[in-house]
PDB file of N, CA and C in Angstrom:
ATOM      1  N   MET A   1      86.460 122.279  96.843  1.00  0.00           N
ATOM      2  CA  MET A   1      86.992 121.009  97.273  1.00  0.00           C
ATOM      3  C   MET A   1      88.429 121.202  97.754  1.00  0.00           C
ATOM      4  N   LYS A   2      88.702 120.704  98.947  1.00  0.00           N
ATOM      5  CA  LYS A   2      90.045 120.826  99.490  1.00  0.00           C
ATOM      6  C   LYS A   2      90.909 119.699  98.954  1.00  0.00           C
ATOM      7  N   SER A   3      92.114 120.060  98.563  1.00  0.00           N
ATOM      8  CA  SER A   3      93.003 119.078  97.953  1.00  0.00           C
ATOM      9  C   SER A   3      94.262 118.827  98.767  1.00  0.00           C
ATOM     10  N   LYS A   4      94.429 119.536  99.866  1.00  0.00           N
ATOM     11  CA  LYS A   4      95.651 119.367 100.644  1.00  0.00           C
ATOM     12  C   LYS A   4      95.633 118.022 101.361  1.00  0.00           C
ATOM     13  N   ILE A   5      96.764 117.354 101.339  1.00  0.00           N
ATOM     14  CA  ILE A   5      96.900 116.085 102.042  1.00  0.00           C
ATOM     15  C   ILE A   5      98.003 116.215 103.081  1.00  0.00           C
ATOM     16  N   VAL A   6      97.922 115.399 104.100  1.00  0.00           N
ATOM     17  CA  VAL A   6      98.932 115.388 105.152  1.00  0.00           C
ATOM     18  C   VAL A   6      99.650 114.045 105.079  1.00  0.00           C
ATOM     19  N   LEU A   7     100.964 114.111 104.948  1.00  0.00           N
ATOM     20  CA  LEU A   7     101.773 112.896 104.848  1.00  0.00           C
ATOM     21  C   LEU A   7     102.576 112.694 106.122  1.00  0.00           C
ATOM     22  N   SER A   8     102.669 111.441 106.547  1.00  0.00           N
ATOM     23  CA  SER A   8     103.569 111.125 107.652  1.00  0.00           C
ATOM     24  C   SER A   8     105.001 111.156 107.112  1.00  0.00           C
ATOM     25  N   GLU A   9     105.945 111.149 108.001  1.00  0.00           N
ATOM     26  CA  GLU A   9     107.352 111.185 107.582  1.00  0.00           C
ATOM     27  C   GLU A   9     107.724 109.968 106.724  1.00  0.00           C
ATOM     28  N   PRO A  10     107.335 108.752 107.112  1.00  0.00           N
ATOM     29  CA  PRO A  10     107.655 107.606 106.244  1.00  0.00           C
ATOM     30  C   PRO A  10     106.985 107.693 104.870  1.00  0.00           C
ATOM     31  N   GLU A  11     105.763 108.208 104.817  1.00  0.00           N
ATOM     32  CA  GLU A  11     105.087 108.374 103.525  1.00  0.00           C
ATOM     33  C   GLU A  11     105.827 109.376 102.647  1.00  0.00           C
ATOM     34  N   ARG A  12     106.254 110.480 103.259  1.00  0.00           N
ATOM     35  CA  ARG A  12     106.974 111.506 102.510  1.00  0.00           C
ATOM     36  C   ARG A  12     108.293 110.954 101.956  1.00  0.00           C
ATOM     37  N   ILE A  13     109.015 110.224 102.781  1.00  0.00           N
ATOM     38  CA  ILE A  13     110.289 109.640 102.345  1.00  0.00           C
ATOM     39  C   ILE A  13     110.061 108.638 101.217  1.00  0.00           C
ATOM     40  N   THR A  14     109.037 107.809 101.362  1.00  0.00           N
ATOM     41  CA  THR A  14     108.724 106.823 100.322  1.00  0.00           C
ATOM     42  C   THR A  14     108.390 107.509  99.007  1.00  0.00           C
ATOM     43  N   LEU A  15     107.577 108.564  99.058  1.00  0.00           N
ATOM     44  CA  LEU A  15     107.212 109.280  97.833  1.00  0.00           C
ATOM     45  C   LEU A  15     108.420 109.980  97.213  1.00  0.00           C
ATOM     46  N   GLN A  16     109.315 110.512  98.045  1.00  0.00           N
ATOM     47  CA  GLN A  16     110.521 111.139  97.509  1.00  0.00           C
ATOM     48  C   GLN A  16     111.377 110.111  96.771  1.00  0.00           C
ATOM     49  N   GLN A  17     111.543 108.941  97.355  1.00  0.00           N
ATOM     50  CA  GLN A  17     112.324 107.895  96.700  1.00  0.00           C
ATOM     51  C   GLN A  17     111.639 107.431  95.422  1.00  0.00           C
ATOM     52  N   LEU A  18     110.322 107.294  95.478  1.00  0.00           N
ATOM     53  CA  LEU A  18     109.551 106.881  94.309  1.00  0.00           C
ATOM     54  C   LEU A  18     109.681 107.907  93.195  1.00  0.00           C
ATOM     55  N   ALA A  19     109.588 109.195  93.551  1.00  0.00           N
ATOM     56  CA  ALA A  19     109.662 110.266  92.557  1.00  0.00           C
ATOM     57  C   ALA A  19     111.036 110.329  91.888  1.00  0.00           C
ATOM     58  N   LEU A  20     112.053 109.857  92.561  1.00  0.00           N
ATOM     59  CA  LEU A  20     113.407 109.899  92.002  1.00  0.00           C
ATOM     60  C   LEU A  20     113.829 108.607  91.310  1.00  0.00           C
ATOM     61  N   ASN A  21     113.392 107.472  91.829  1.00  0.00           N
ATOM     62  CA  ASN A  21     114.011 106.213  91.427  1.00  0.00           C
ATOM     63  C   ASN A  21     113.129 105.211  90.706  1.00  0.00           C
ATOM     64  N   HIS A  22     111.840 105.453  90.600  1.00  0.00           N
ATOM     65  CA  HIS A  22     110.984 104.434  89.985  1.00  0.00           C
ATOM     66  C   HIS A  22     111.305 104.295  88.502  1.00  0.00           C
ATOM     67  N   GLN A  23     111.183 103.086  87.985  1.00  0.00           N
ATOM     68  CA  GLN A  23     111.555 102.836  86.589  1.00  0.00           C
ATOM     69  C   GLN A  23     110.568 103.424  85.588  1.00  0.00           C
ATOM     70  N   HIS A  24     109.326 103.661  86.010  1.00  0.00           N
ATOM     71  CA  HIS A  24     108.315 104.189  85.098  1.00  0.00           C
ATOM     72  C   HIS A  24     108.103 105.687  85.324  1.00  0.00           C
ATOM     73  N   ARG A  25     108.143 106.440  84.252  1.00  0.00           N
ATOM     74  CA  ARG A  25     108.042 107.900  84.327  1.00  0.00           C
ATOM     75  C   ARG A  25     106.718 108.360  84.931  1.00  0.00           C
ATOM     76  N   ASP A  26     105.606 107.712  84.573  1.00  0.00           N
ATOM     77  CA  ASP A  26     104.310 108.146  85.083  1.00  0.00           C
ATOM     78  C   ASP A  26     104.214 107.984  86.598  1.00  0.00           C
ATOM     79  N   ILE A  27     104.851 106.967  87.141  1.00  0.00           N
ATOM     80  CA  ILE A  27     104.845 106.772  88.592  1.00  0.00           C
ATOM     81  C   ILE A  27     105.710 107.832  89.264  1.00  0.00           C
ATOM     82  N   ARG A  28     106.835 108.178  88.653  1.00  0.00           N
ATOM     83  CA  ARG A  28     107.670 109.265  89.195  1.00  0.00           C
ATOM     84  C   ARG A  28     106.889 110.571  89.217  1.00  0.00           C
ATOM     85  N   THR A  29     106.124 110.831  88.150  1.00  0.00           N
ATOM     86  CA  THR A  29     105.326 112.054  88.071  1.00  0.00           C
ATOM     87  C   THR A  29     104.239 112.060  89.138  1.00  0.00           C
ATOM     88  N   ARG A  30     103.598 110.931  89.356  1.00  0.00           N
ATOM     89  CA  ARG A  30     102.559 110.848  90.393  1.00  0.00           C
ATOM     90  C   ARG A  30     103.143 111.103  91.780  1.00  0.00           C
ATOM     91  N   GLY A  31     104.302 110.517  92.045  1.00  0.00           N
ATOM     92  CA  GLY A  31     104.949 110.749  93.335  1.00  0.00           C
ATOM     93  C   GLY A  31     105.277 112.217  93.539  1.00  0.00           C
ATOM     94  N   THR A  32     105.795 112.850  92.501  1.00  0.00           N
ATOM     95  CA  THR A  32     106.102 114.281  92.559  1.00  0.00           C
ATOM     96  C   THR A  32     104.838 115.088  92.798  1.00  0.00           C
ATOM     97  N   GLY A  33     103.777 114.743  92.095  1.00  0.00           N
ATOM     98  CA  GLY A  33     102.508 115.452  92.252  1.00  0.00           C
ATOM     99  C   GLY A  33     101.948 115.335  93.660  1.00  0.00           C
ATOM    100  N   LEU A  34     102.032 114.161  94.247  1.00  0.00           N
ATOM    101  CA  LEU A  34     101.540 113.983  95.614  1.00  0.00           C
ATOM    102  C   LEU A  34     102.359 114.794  96.611  1.00  0.00           C
ATOM    103  N   LEU A  35     103.671 114.846  96.407  1.00  0.00           N
ATOM    104  CA  LEU A  35     104.506 115.664  97.286  1.00  0.00           C
ATOM    105  C   LEU A  35     104.153 117.144  97.155  1.00  0.00           C
ATOM    106  N   MET A  36     103.894 117.587  95.930  1.00  0.00           N
ATOM    107  CA  MET A  36     103.522 118.986  95.702  1.00  0.00           C
ATOM    108  C   MET A  36     102.158 119.286  96.323  1.00  0.00           C
ATOM    109  N   LEU A  37     101.230 118.345  96.239  1.00  0.00           N
ATOM    110  CA  LEU A  37      99.910 118.507  96.836  1.00  0.00           C
ATOM    111  C   LEU A  37     100.027 118.632  98.353  1.00  0.00           C
ATOM    112  N   ALA A  38     100.905 117.842  98.942  1.00  0.00           N
ATOM    113  CA  ALA A  38     101.121 117.902 100.388  1.00  0.00           C
ATOM    114  C   ALA A  38     101.736 119.232 100.806  1.00  0.00           C
ATOM    115  N   ARG A  39     102.479 119.878  99.901  1.00  0.00           N
ATOM    116  CA  ARG A  39     103.063 121.191 100.198  1.00  0.00           C
ATOM    117  C   ARG A  39     102.057 122.319 100.043  1.00  0.00           C
ATOM    118  N   GLY A  40     100.854 121.987  99.553  1.00  0.00           N
ATOM    119  CA  GLY A  40      99.810 122.998  99.471  1.00  0.00           C
ATOM    120  C   GLY A  40      99.551 123.551  98.086  1.00  0.00           C
ATOM    121  N   LEU A  41     100.235 123.043  97.072  1.00  0.00           N
ATOM    122  CA  LEU A  41      99.971 123.516  95.718  1.00  0.00           C
ATOM    123  C   LEU A  41      98.618 122.998  95.245  1.00  0.00           C
ATOM    124  N   LYS A  42      97.993 123.760  94.381  1.00  0.00           N
ATOM    125  CA  LYS A  42      96.698 123.371  93.836  1.00  0.00           C
ATOM    126  C   LYS A  42      96.910 122.420  92.664  1.00  0.00           C
ATOM    127  N   PRO A  43      95.932 121.537  92.416  1.00  0.00           N
ATOM    128  CA  PRO A  43      96.075 120.576  91.316  1.00  0.00           C
ATOM    129  C   PRO A  43      96.385 121.229  89.973  1.00  0.00           C
ATOM    130  N   ARG A  44      95.801 122.370  89.700  1.00  0.00           N
ATOM    131  CA  ARG A  44      96.075 123.056  88.433  1.00  0.00           C
ATOM    132  C   ARG A  44      97.536 123.495  88.355  1.00  0.00           C
ATOM    133  N   GLN A  45      98.083 124.008  89.464  1.00  0.00           N
ATOM    134  CA  GLN A  45      99.488 124.411  89.503  1.00  0.00           C
ATOM    135  C   GLN A  45     100.403 123.199  89.313  1.00  0.00           C
ATOM    136  N   ILE A  46     100.039 122.095  89.939  1.00  0.00           N
ATOM    137  CA  ILE A  46     100.832 120.876  89.821  1.00  0.00           C
ATOM    138  C   ILE A  46     100.836 120.391  88.376  1.00  0.00           C
ATOM    139  N   ALA A  47      99.671 120.435  87.733  1.00  0.00           N
ATOM    140  CA  ALA A  47      99.569 119.998  86.336  1.00  0.00           C
ATOM    141  C   ALA A  47     100.468 120.836  85.440  1.00  0.00           C
ATOM    142  N   VAL A  48     100.489 122.138  85.669  1.00  0.00           N
ATOM    143  CA  VAL A  48     101.325 123.022  84.853  1.00  0.00           C
ATOM    144  C   VAL A  48     102.805 122.737  85.101  1.00  0.00           C
ATOM    145  N   GLU A  49     103.187 122.619  86.360  1.00  0.00           N
ATOM    146  CA  GLU A  49     104.602 122.436  86.693  1.00  0.00           C
ATOM    147  C   GLU A  49     105.150 121.070  86.287  1.00  0.00           C
ATOM    148  N   THR A  50     104.298 120.051  86.297  1.00  0.00           N
ATOM    149  CA  THR A  50     104.765 118.717  85.917  1.00  0.00           C
ATOM    150  C   THR A  50     104.556 118.423  84.440  1.00  0.00           C
ATOM    151  N   GLY A  51     103.860 119.318  83.748  1.00  0.00           N
ATOM    152  CA  GLY A  51     103.617 119.120  82.326  1.00  0.00           C
ATOM    153  C   GLY A  51     102.512 118.134  82.030  1.00  0.00           C
ATOM    154  N   CYS A  52     101.663 117.882  83.009  1.00  0.00           N
ATOM    155  CA  CYS A  52     100.554 116.945  82.828  1.00  0.00           C
ATOM    156  C   CYS A  52      99.275 117.706  82.535  1.00  0.00           C
ATOM    157  N   MET A  53      98.377 117.031  81.861  1.00  0.00           N
ATOM    158  CA  MET A  53      97.053 117.612  81.656  1.00  0.00           C
ATOM    159  C   MET A  53      96.261 117.431  82.940  1.00  0.00           C
ATOM    160  N   GLN A  54      95.424 118.399  83.256  1.00  0.00           N
ATOM    161  CA  GLN A  54      94.575 118.264  84.428  1.00  0.00           C
ATOM    162  C   GLN A  54      93.470 117.264  84.119  1.00  0.00           C
ATOM    163  N   CYS A  55      93.182 116.393  85.057  1.00  0.00           N
ATOM    164  CA  CYS A  55      92.153 115.379  84.849  1.00  0.00           C
ATOM    165  C   CYS A  55      90.776 116.018  84.812  1.00  0.00           C
ATOM    166  N   PRO A  56      89.884 115.480  83.988  1.00  0.00           N
ATOM    167  CA  PRO A  56      88.515 115.972  83.988  1.00  0.00           C
ATOM    168  C   PRO A  56      87.855 115.715  85.335  1.00  0.00           C
ATOM    169  N   GLY A  57      86.861 116.499  85.668  1.00  0.00           N
ATOM    170  CA  GLY A  57      86.215 116.410  86.968  1.00  0.00           C
ATOM    171  C   GLY A  57      85.488 115.112  87.234  1.00  0.00           C
ATOM    172  N   TYR A  58      85.141 114.369  86.203  1.00  0.00           N
ATOM    173  CA  TYR A  58      84.369 113.152  86.416  1.00  0.00           C
ATOM    174  C   TYR A  58      85.228 111.937  86.736  1.00  0.00           C
ATOM    175  N   LEU A  59      86.542 112.072  86.744  1.00  0.00           N
ATOM    176  CA  LEU A  59      87.392 110.923  87.076  1.00  0.00           C
ATOM    177  C   LEU A  59      87.664 110.852  88.552  1.00  0.00           C
TER     178      LEU A  59
END
């Protein structure tokens, strides 16, 4: 399964701001994860680097 995503410039900027400034930690982590996914990192690598557990395959 391919996990790479392509972000437009406004999407990337929005996610960067979200990853830095959102009041809720889980939303900041999600924004960071999406940016890392767009850079080509694999979900397992993202989970390790962000300190999150990898989601089970059925979700």
